[in-house]
């Protein structure tokens, strides 16, 4: 993918994620007020684990893409 497509796709995905996170924030805002400290801490760990999982998947996919592009012969990439 060229830089423009990558940037555009990143902005679209980022915008969608921000909308989802904002909706979750509004929903969790009322729920968190009812939670005690321990329940809030556990919810924070779950959200943190989810974010780490998503980030690790993205990094792994980028590494696999780079490795695959190195394995493909340059002759095969020419039209």
PDB file of N, CA and C in Angstrom:
ATOM      1  N   UNK A   1       0.836  -1.172   0.000  1.00  0.00           N
ATOM      2  CA  UNK A   1       0.000   0.000   0.000  1.00  0.00           C
ATOM      3  C   UNK A   1       0.880   1.234   0.000  1.00  0.00           C
ATOM      4  N   UNK A   2       0.443   2.217  -0.750  1.00  0.00           N
ATOM      5  CA  UNK A   2       1.231   3.439  -0.721  1.00  0.00           C
ATOM      6  C   UNK A   2       0.879   4.260   0.514  1.00  0.00           C
ATOM      7  N   UNK A   3       1.603   5.322   0.701  1.00  0.00           N
ATOM      8  CA  UNK A   3       1.479   6.120   1.922  1.00  0.00           C
ATOM      9  C   UNK A   3       0.084   6.724   2.068  1.00  0.00           C
ATOM     10  N   UNK A   4      -0.492   7.186   0.977  1.00  0.00           N
ATOM     11  CA  UNK A   4      -1.813   7.807   1.034  1.00  0.00           C
ATOM     12  C   UNK A   4      -2.889   6.840   1.487  1.00  0.00           C
ATOM     13  N   UNK A   5      -2.859   5.626   0.935  1.00  0.00           N
ATOM     14  CA  UNK A   5      -3.853   4.629   1.331  1.00  0.00           C
ATOM     15  C   UNK A   5      -3.672   4.225   2.783  1.00  0.00           C
ATOM     16  N   UNK A   6      -2.423   4.057   3.192  1.00  0.00           N
ATOM     17  CA  UNK A   6      -2.150   3.679   4.578  1.00  0.00           C
ATOM     18  C   UNK A   6      -2.614   4.762   5.538  1.00  0.00           C
ATOM     19  N   UNK A   7      -2.326   6.007   5.202  1.00  0.00           N
ATOM     20  CA  UNK A   7      -2.737   7.124   6.051  1.00  0.00           C
ATOM     21  C   UNK A   7      -4.258   7.231   6.107  1.00  0.00           C
ATOM     22  N   UNK A   8      -4.906   7.107   4.962  1.00  0.00           N
ATOM     23  CA  UNK A   8      -6.367   7.180   4.925  1.00  0.00           C
ATOM     24  C   UNK A   8      -7.015   6.069   5.721  1.00  0.00           C
ATOM     25  N   UNK A   9      -6.510   4.846   5.547  1.00  0.00           N
ATOM     26  CA  UNK A   9      -7.051   3.714   6.287  1.00  0.00           C
ATOM     27  C   UNK A   9      -6.817   3.881   7.779  1.00  0.00           C
ATOM     28  N   UNK A  10      -5.656   4.388   8.145  1.00  0.00           N
ATOM     29  CA  UNK A  10      -5.355   4.623   9.562  1.00  0.00           C
ATOM     30  C   UNK A  10      -6.301   5.656  10.160  1.00  0.00           C
ATOM     31  N   UNK A  11      -6.582   6.717   9.415  1.00  0.00           N
ATOM     32  CA  UNK A  11      -7.491   7.747   9.908  1.00  0.00           C
ATOM     33  C   UNK A  11      -8.917   7.219  10.044  1.00  0.00           C
ATOM     34  N   UNK A  12      -9.355   6.413   9.087  1.00  0.00           N
ATOM     35  CA  UNK A  12     -10.699   5.837   9.172  1.00  0.00           C
ATOM     36  C   UNK A  12     -10.807   4.922  10.378  1.00  0.00           C
ATOM     37  N   UNK A  13      -9.848   4.017  10.531  1.00  0.00           N
ATOM     38  CA  UNK A  13      -9.876   3.087  11.659  1.00  0.00           C
ATOM     39  C   UNK A  13      -9.755   3.845  12.974  1.00  0.00           C
ATOM     40  N   UNK A  14      -8.886   4.851  13.017  1.00  0.00           N
ATOM     41  CA  UNK A  14      -8.742   5.660  14.225  1.00  0.00           C
ATOM     42  C   UNK A  14     -10.033   6.384  14.579  1.00  0.00           C
ATOM     43  N   UNK A  15     -10.714   6.931  13.583  1.00  0.00           N
ATOM     44  CA  UNK A  15     -11.984   7.614  13.822  1.00  0.00           C
ATOM     45  C   UNK A  15     -13.054   6.678  14.343  1.00  0.00           C
ATOM     46  N   UNK A  16     -13.122   5.486  13.750  1.00  0.00           N
ATOM     47  CA  UNK A  16     -14.093   4.494  14.211  1.00  0.00           C
ATOM     48  C   UNK A  16     -13.792   4.089  15.647  1.00  0.00           C
ATOM     49  N   UNK A  17     -12.518   3.852  15.943  1.00  0.00           N
ATOM     50  CA  UNK A  17     -12.145   3.470  17.311  1.00  0.00           C
ATOM     51  C   UNK A  17     -12.462   4.579  18.308  1.00  0.00           C
ATOM     52  N   UNK A  18     -12.218   5.830  17.918  1.00  0.00           N
ATOM     53  CA  UNK A  18     -12.533   6.941  18.815  1.00  0.00           C
ATOM     54  C   UNK A  18     -14.034   7.035  19.078  1.00  0.00           C
ATOM     55  N   UNK A  19     -14.851   6.826  18.041  1.00  0.00           N
ATOM     56  CA  UNK A  19     -16.295   6.844  18.253  1.00  0.00           C
ATOM     57  C   UNK A  19     -16.742   5.716  19.175  1.00  0.00           C
ATOM     58  N   UNK A  20     -16.175   4.536  18.987  1.00  0.00           N
ATOM     59  CA  UNK A  20     -16.517   3.399  19.846  1.00  0.00           C
ATOM     60  C   UNK A  20     -16.076   3.669  21.274  1.00  0.00           C
ATOM     61  N   UNK A  21     -14.850   4.147  21.441  1.00  0.00           N
ATOM     62  CA  UNK A  21     -14.344   4.421  22.788  1.00  0.00           C
ATOM     63  C   UNK A  21     -15.133   5.528  23.476  1.00  0.00           C
ATOM     64  N   UNK A  22     -15.565   6.534  22.723  1.00  0.00           N
ATOM     65  CA  UNK A  22     -16.360   7.604  23.319  1.00  0.00           C
ATOM     66  C   UNK A  22     -17.718   7.069  23.781  1.00  0.00           C
ATOM     67  N   UNK A  23     -18.315   6.212  22.973  1.00  0.00           N
ATOM     68  CA  UNK A  23     -19.576   5.589  23.373  1.00  0.00           C
ATOM     69  C   UNK A  23     -19.407   4.728  24.614  1.00  0.00           C
ATOM     70  N   UNK A  24     -18.312   3.964  24.658  1.00  0.00           N
ATOM     71  CA  UNK A  24     -18.040   3.154  25.848  1.00  0.00           C
ATOM     72  C   UNK A  24     -17.785   4.035  27.062  1.00  0.00           C
ATOM     73  N   UNK A  25     -17.104   5.153  26.853  1.00  0.00           N
ATOM     74  CA  UNK A  25     -16.836   6.075  27.957  1.00  0.00           C
ATOM     75  C   UNK A  25     -18.147   6.602  28.542  1.00  0.00           C
ATOM     76  N   UNK A  26     -19.063   6.990  27.669  1.00  0.00           N
ATOM     77  CA  UNK A  26     -20.343   7.501  28.157  1.00  0.00           C
ATOM     78  C   UNK A  26     -21.117   6.416  28.896  1.00  0.00           C
ATOM     79  N   UNK A  27     -21.043   5.188  28.392  1.00  0.00           N
ATOM     80  CA  UNK A  27     -21.725   4.086  29.064  1.00  0.00           C
ATOM     81  C   UNK A  27     -21.062   3.719  30.376  1.00  0.00           C
ATOM     82  N   UNK A  28     -19.735   3.697  30.375  1.00  0.00           N
ATOM     83  CA  UNK A  28     -19.008   3.315  31.590  1.00  0.00           C
ATOM     84  C   UNK A  28     -19.026   4.410  32.649  1.00  0.00           C
ATOM     85  N   UNK A  29     -19.267   5.647  32.225  1.00  0.00           N
ATOM     86  CA  UNK A  29     -19.251   6.752  33.181  1.00  0.00           C
ATOM     87  C   UNK A  29     -20.294   6.546  34.274  1.00  0.00           C
ATOM     88  N   UNK A  30     -21.489   6.129  33.890  1.00  0.00           N
ATOM     89  CA  UNK A  30     -22.532   5.889  34.884  1.00  0.00           C
ATOM     90  C   UNK A  30     -22.271   4.605  35.656  1.00  0.00           C
ATOM     91  N   UNK A  31     -21.752   3.596  34.978  1.00  0.00           N
ATOM     92  CA  UNK A  31     -21.493   2.319  35.643  1.00  0.00           C
ATOM     93  C   UNK A  31     -20.360   2.460  36.649  1.00  0.00           C
ATOM     94  N   UNK A  32     -19.320   3.200  36.287  1.00  0.00           N
ATOM     95  CA  UNK A  32     -18.160   3.359  37.167  1.00  0.00           C
ATOM     96  C   UNK A  32     -18.548   4.098  38.443  1.00  0.00           C
ATOM     97  N   UNK A  33     -19.490   5.018  38.345  1.00  0.00           N
ATOM     98  CA  UNK A  33     -19.944   5.715  39.547  1.00  0.00           C
ATOM     99  C   UNK A  33     -20.569   4.747  40.546  1.00  0.00           C
ATOM    100  N   UNK A  34     -21.166   3.660  40.058  1.00  0.00           N
ATOM    101  CA  UNK A  34     -21.797   2.691  40.942  1.00  0.00           C
ATOM    102  C   UNK A  34     -20.796   1.650  41.448  1.00  0.00           C
ATOM    103  N   UNK A  35     -19.673   1.482  40.761  1.00  0.00           N
ATOM    104  CA  UNK A  35     -18.675   0.490  41.169  1.00  0.00           C
ATOM    105  C   UNK A  35     -17.910   0.952  42.394  1.00  0.00           C
ATOM    106  N   UNK A  36     -17.427  -0.008  43.133  1.00  0.00           N
ATOM    107  CA  UNK A  36     -16.459   0.338  44.163  1.00  0.00           C
ATOM    108  C   UNK A  36     -15.066   0.286  43.546  1.00  0.00           C
ATOM    109  N   UNK A  37     -14.058   0.566  44.309  1.00  0.00           N
ATOM    110  CA  UNK A  37     -12.694   0.699  43.791  1.00  0.00           C
ATOM    111  C   UNK A  37     -12.190  -0.612  43.191  1.00  0.00           C
ATOM    112  N   UNK A  38     -12.467  -1.736  43.829  1.00  0.00           N
ATOM    113  CA  UNK A  38     -11.956  -3.022  43.346  1.00  0.00           C
ATOM    114  C   UNK A  38     -12.577  -3.381  42.002  1.00  0.00           C
ATOM    115  N   UNK A  39     -13.868  -3.207  41.858  1.00  0.00           N
ATOM    116  CA  UNK A  39     -14.520  -3.518  40.587  1.00  0.00           C
ATOM    117  C   UNK A  39     -14.008  -2.606  39.477  1.00  0.00           C
ATOM    118  N   UNK A  40     -13.791  -1.351  39.799  1.00  0.00           N
ATOM    119  CA  UNK A  40     -13.240  -0.428  38.808  1.00  0.00           C
ATOM    120  C   UNK A  40     -11.838  -0.817  38.393  1.00  0.00           C
ATOM    121  N   UNK A  41     -11.040  -1.280  39.355  1.00  0.00           N
ATOM    122  CA  UNK A  41      -9.678  -1.720  39.062  1.00  0.00           C
ATOM    123  C   UNK A  41      -9.692  -2.949  38.151  1.00  0.00           C
ATOM    124  N   UNK A  42     -10.577  -3.893  38.436  1.00  0.00           N
ATOM    125  CA  UNK A  42     -10.677  -5.092  37.598  1.00  0.00           C
ATOM    126  C   UNK A  42     -11.131  -4.739  36.185  1.00  0.00           C
ATOM    127  N   UNK A  43     -12.065  -3.830  36.064  1.00  0.00           N
ATOM    128  CA  UNK A  43     -12.506  -3.388  34.744  1.00  0.00           C
ATOM    129  C   UNK A  43     -11.357  -2.716  33.994  1.00  0.00           C
ATOM    130  N   UNK A  44     -10.559  -1.948  34.710  1.00  0.00           N
ATOM    131  CA  UNK A  44      -9.392  -1.314  34.097  1.00  0.00           C
ATOM    132  C   UNK A  44      -8.392  -2.331  33.582  1.00  0.00           C
ATOM    133  N   UNK A  45      -8.177  -3.404  34.349  1.00  0.00           N
ATOM    134  CA  UNK A  45      -7.266  -4.465  33.902  1.00  0.00           C
ATOM    135  C   UNK A  45      -7.794  -5.151  32.648  1.00  0.00           C
ATOM    136  N   UNK A  46      -9.089  -5.371  32.592  1.00  0.00           N
ATOM    137  CA  UNK A  46      -9.677  -6.007  31.412  1.00  0.00           C
ATOM    138  C   UNK A  46      -9.496  -5.118  30.184  1.00  0.00           C
ATOM    139  N   UNK A  47      -9.767  -3.837  30.330  1.00  0.00           N
ATOM    140  CA  UNK A  47      -9.616  -2.906  29.206  1.00  0.00           C
ATOM    141  C   UNK A  47      -8.153  -2.797  28.787  1.00  0.00           C
ATOM    142  N   UNK A  48      -7.254  -2.735  29.758  1.00  0.00           N
ATOM    143  CA  UNK A  48      -5.824  -2.675  29.457  1.00  0.00           C
ATOM    144  C   UNK A  48      -5.362  -3.937  28.723  1.00  0.00           C
ATOM    145  N   UNK A  49      -5.821  -5.093  29.160  1.00  0.00           N
ATOM    146  CA  UNK A  49      -5.482  -6.348  28.485  1.00  0.00           C
ATOM    147  C   UNK A  49      -5.993  -6.378  27.058  1.00  0.00           C
ATOM    148  N   UNK A  50      -7.207  -5.863  26.849  1.00  0.00           N
ATOM    149  CA  UNK A  50      -7.777  -5.808  25.507  1.00  0.00           C
ATOM    150  C   UNK A  50      -6.939  -4.912  24.603  1.00  0.00           C
ATOM    151  N   UNK A  51      -6.530  -3.760  25.112  1.00  0.00           N
ATOM    152  CA  UNK A  51      -5.706  -2.852  24.316  1.00  0.00           C
ATOM    153  C   UNK A  51      -4.348  -3.466  23.979  1.00  0.00           C
ATOM    154  N   UNK A  52      -3.726  -4.123  24.946  1.00  0.00           N
ATOM    155  CA  UNK A  52      -2.435  -4.773  24.697  1.00  0.00           C
ATOM    156  C   UNK A  52      -2.589  -5.870  23.653  1.00  0.00           C
ATOM    157  N   UNK A  53      -3.681  -6.617  23.722  1.00  0.00           N
ATOM    158  CA  UNK A  53      -3.935  -7.673  22.744  1.00  0.00           C
ATOM    159  C   UNK A  53      -4.068  -7.098  21.340  1.00  0.00           C
ATOM    160  N   UNK A  54      -4.842  -6.047  21.184  1.00  0.00           N
ATOM    161  CA  UNK A  54      -5.039  -5.432  19.873  1.00  0.00           C
ATOM    162  C   UNK A  54      -3.722  -4.882  19.328  1.00  0.00           C
ATOM    163  N   UNK A  55      -2.956  -4.207  20.172  1.00  0.00           N
ATOM    164  CA  UNK A  55      -1.677  -3.638  19.732  1.00  0.00           C
ATOM    165  C   UNK A  55      -0.703  -4.735  19.322  1.00  0.00           C
ATOM    166  N   UNK A  56      -0.656  -5.833  20.078  1.00  0.00           N
ATOM    167  CA  UNK A  56       0.264  -6.918  19.726  1.00  0.00           C
ATOM    168  C   UNK A  56      -0.137  -7.585  18.417  1.00  0.00           C
ATOM    169  N   UNK A  57      -1.433  -7.686  18.150  1.00  0.00           N
ATOM    170  CA  UNK A  57      -1.891  -8.262  16.884  1.00  0.00           C
ATOM    171  C   UNK A  57      -1.474  -7.371  15.720  1.00  0.00           C
ATOM    172  N   UNK A  58      -1.627  -6.059  15.873  1.00  0.00           N
ATOM    173  CA  UNK A  58      -1.247  -5.125  14.811  1.00  0.00           C
ATOM    174  C   UNK A  58       0.250  -5.205  14.545  1.00  0.00           C
ATOM    175  N   UNK A  59       1.058  -5.243  15.591  1.00  0.00           N
ATOM    176  CA  UNK A  59       2.515  -5.325  15.425  1.00  0.00           C
ATOM    177  C   UNK A  59       2.902  -6.636  14.748  1.00  0.00           C
ATOM    178  N   UNK A  60       2.272  -7.728  15.142  1.00  0.00           N
ATOM    179  CA  UNK A  60       2.582  -9.025  14.540  1.00  0.00           C
ATOM    180  C   UNK A  60       2.224  -9.038  13.055  1.00  0.00           C
ATOM    181  N   UNK A  61       1.088  -8.449  12.703  1.00  0.00           N
ATOM    182  CA  UNK A  61       0.686  -8.397  11.302  1.00  0.00           C
ATOM    183  C   UNK A  61       1.668  -7.565  10.475  1.00  0.00           C
ATOM    184  N   UNK A  62       2.142  -6.466  11.030  1.00  0.00           N
ATOM    185  CA  UNK A  62       3.117  -5.637  10.308  1.00  0.00           C
ATOM    186  C   UNK A  62       4.418  -6.403  10.098  1.00  0.00           C
ATOM    187  N   UNK A  63       4.871  -7.135  11.117  1.00  0.00           N
ATOM    188  CA  UNK A  63       6.106  -7.914  10.982  1.00  0.00           C
ATOM    189  C   UNK A  63       5.939  -9.019   9.950  1.00  0.00           C
ATOM    190  N   UNK A  64       4.785  -9.682   9.943  1.00  0.00           N
ATOM    191  CA  UNK A  64       4.542 -10.740   8.967  1.00  0.00           C
ATOM    192  C   UNK A  64       4.502 -10.183   7.552  1.00  0.00           C
ATOM    193  N   UNK A  65       3.933  -8.992   7.389  1.00  0.00           N
ATOM    194  CA  UNK A  65       3.881  -8.373   6.065  1.00  0.00           C
ATOM    195  C   UNK A  65       5.284  -8.057   5.570  1.00  0.00           C
ATOM    196  N   UNK A  66       6.126  -7.509   6.438  1.00  0.00           N
ATOM    197  CA  UNK A  66       7.501  -7.197   6.052  1.00  0.00           C
ATOM    198  C   UNK A  66       8.265  -8.469   5.694  1.00  0.00           C
ATOM    199  N   UNK A  67       8.086  -9.526   6.480  1.00  0.00           N
ATOM    200  CA  UNK A  67       8.786 -10.783   6.221  1.00  0.00           C
ATOM    201  C   UNK A  67       8.320 -11.392   4.906  1.00  0.00           C
ATOM    202  N   UNK A  68       7.025 -11.323   4.631  1.00  0.00           N
ATOM    203  CA  UNK A  68       6.493 -11.864   3.388  1.00  0.00           C
ATOM    204  C   UNK A  68       7.034 -11.097   2.192  1.00  0.00           C
ATOM    205  N   UNK A  69       7.107  -9.779   2.303  1.00  0.00           N
ATOM    206  CA  UNK A  69       7.624  -8.976   1.199  1.00  0.00           C
ATOM    207  C   UNK A  69       9.103  -9.266   0.950  1.00  0.00           C
ATOM    208  N   UNK A  70       9.858  -9.608   1.987  1.00  0.00           N
ATOM    209  CA  UNK A  70      11.266  -9.956   1.812  1.00  0.00           C
ATOM    210  C   UNK A  70      11.410 -11.317   1.131  1.00  0.00           C
ATOM    211  N   UNK A  71      10.470 -12.226   1.392  1.00  0.00           N
ATOM    212  CA  UNK A  71      10.543 -13.569   0.818  1.00  0.00           C
ATOM    213  C   UNK A  71      10.159 -13.595  -0.659  1.00  0.00           C
ATOM    214  N   UNK A  72       9.351 -12.644  -1.099  1.00  0.00           N
ATOM    215  CA  UNK A  72       8.919 -12.607  -2.492  1.00  0.00           C
ATOM    216  C   UNK A  72      10.060 -12.048  -3.340  1.00  0.00           C
ATOM    217  N   UNK A  73      10.353 -12.729  -4.422  1.00  0.00           N
ATOM    218  CA  UNK A  73      11.401 -12.261  -5.332  1.00  0.00           C
ATOM    219  C   UNK A  73      10.986 -10.938  -5.975  1.00  0.00           C
ATOM    220  N   UNK A  74      11.961 -10.082  -6.240  1.00  0.00           N
ATOM    221  CA  UNK A  74      11.667  -8.802  -6.876  1.00  0.00           C
ATOM    222  C   UNK A  74      11.114  -9.004  -8.280  1.00  0.00           C
ATOM    223  N   UNK A  75      11.517 -10.088  -8.936  1.00  0.00           N
ATOM    224  CA  UNK A  75      11.022 -10.364 -10.277  1.00  0.00           C
ATOM    225  C   UNK A  75       9.529 -10.651 -10.255  1.00  0.00           C
ATOM    226  N   UNK A  76       9.047 -11.271  -9.191  1.00  0.00           N
ATOM    227  CA  UNK A  76       7.627 -11.589  -9.098  1.00  0.00           C
ATOM    228  C   UNK A  76       6.779 -10.341  -8.868  1.00  0.00           C
ATOM    229  N   UNK A  77       7.366  -9.279  -8.356  1.00  0.00           N
ATOM    230  CA  UNK A  77       6.624  -8.059  -8.079  1.00  0.00           C
ATOM    231  C   UNK A  77       6.475  -7.171  -9.308  1.00  0.00           C
ATOM    232  N   UNK A  78       7.314  -7.401 -10.336  1.00  0.00           N
ATOM    233  CA  UNK A  78       7.242  -6.588 -11.545  1.00  0.00           C
ATOM    234  C   UNK A  78       6.049  -7.034 -12.388  1.00  0.00           C
ATOM    235  N   UNK A  79       5.376  -6.064 -13.044  1.00  0.00           N
ATOM    236  CA  UNK A  79       4.217  -6.429 -13.890  1.00  0.00           C
ATOM    237  C   UNK A  79       4.627  -7.169 -15.143  1.00  0.00           C
TER     238      UNK A  79
END
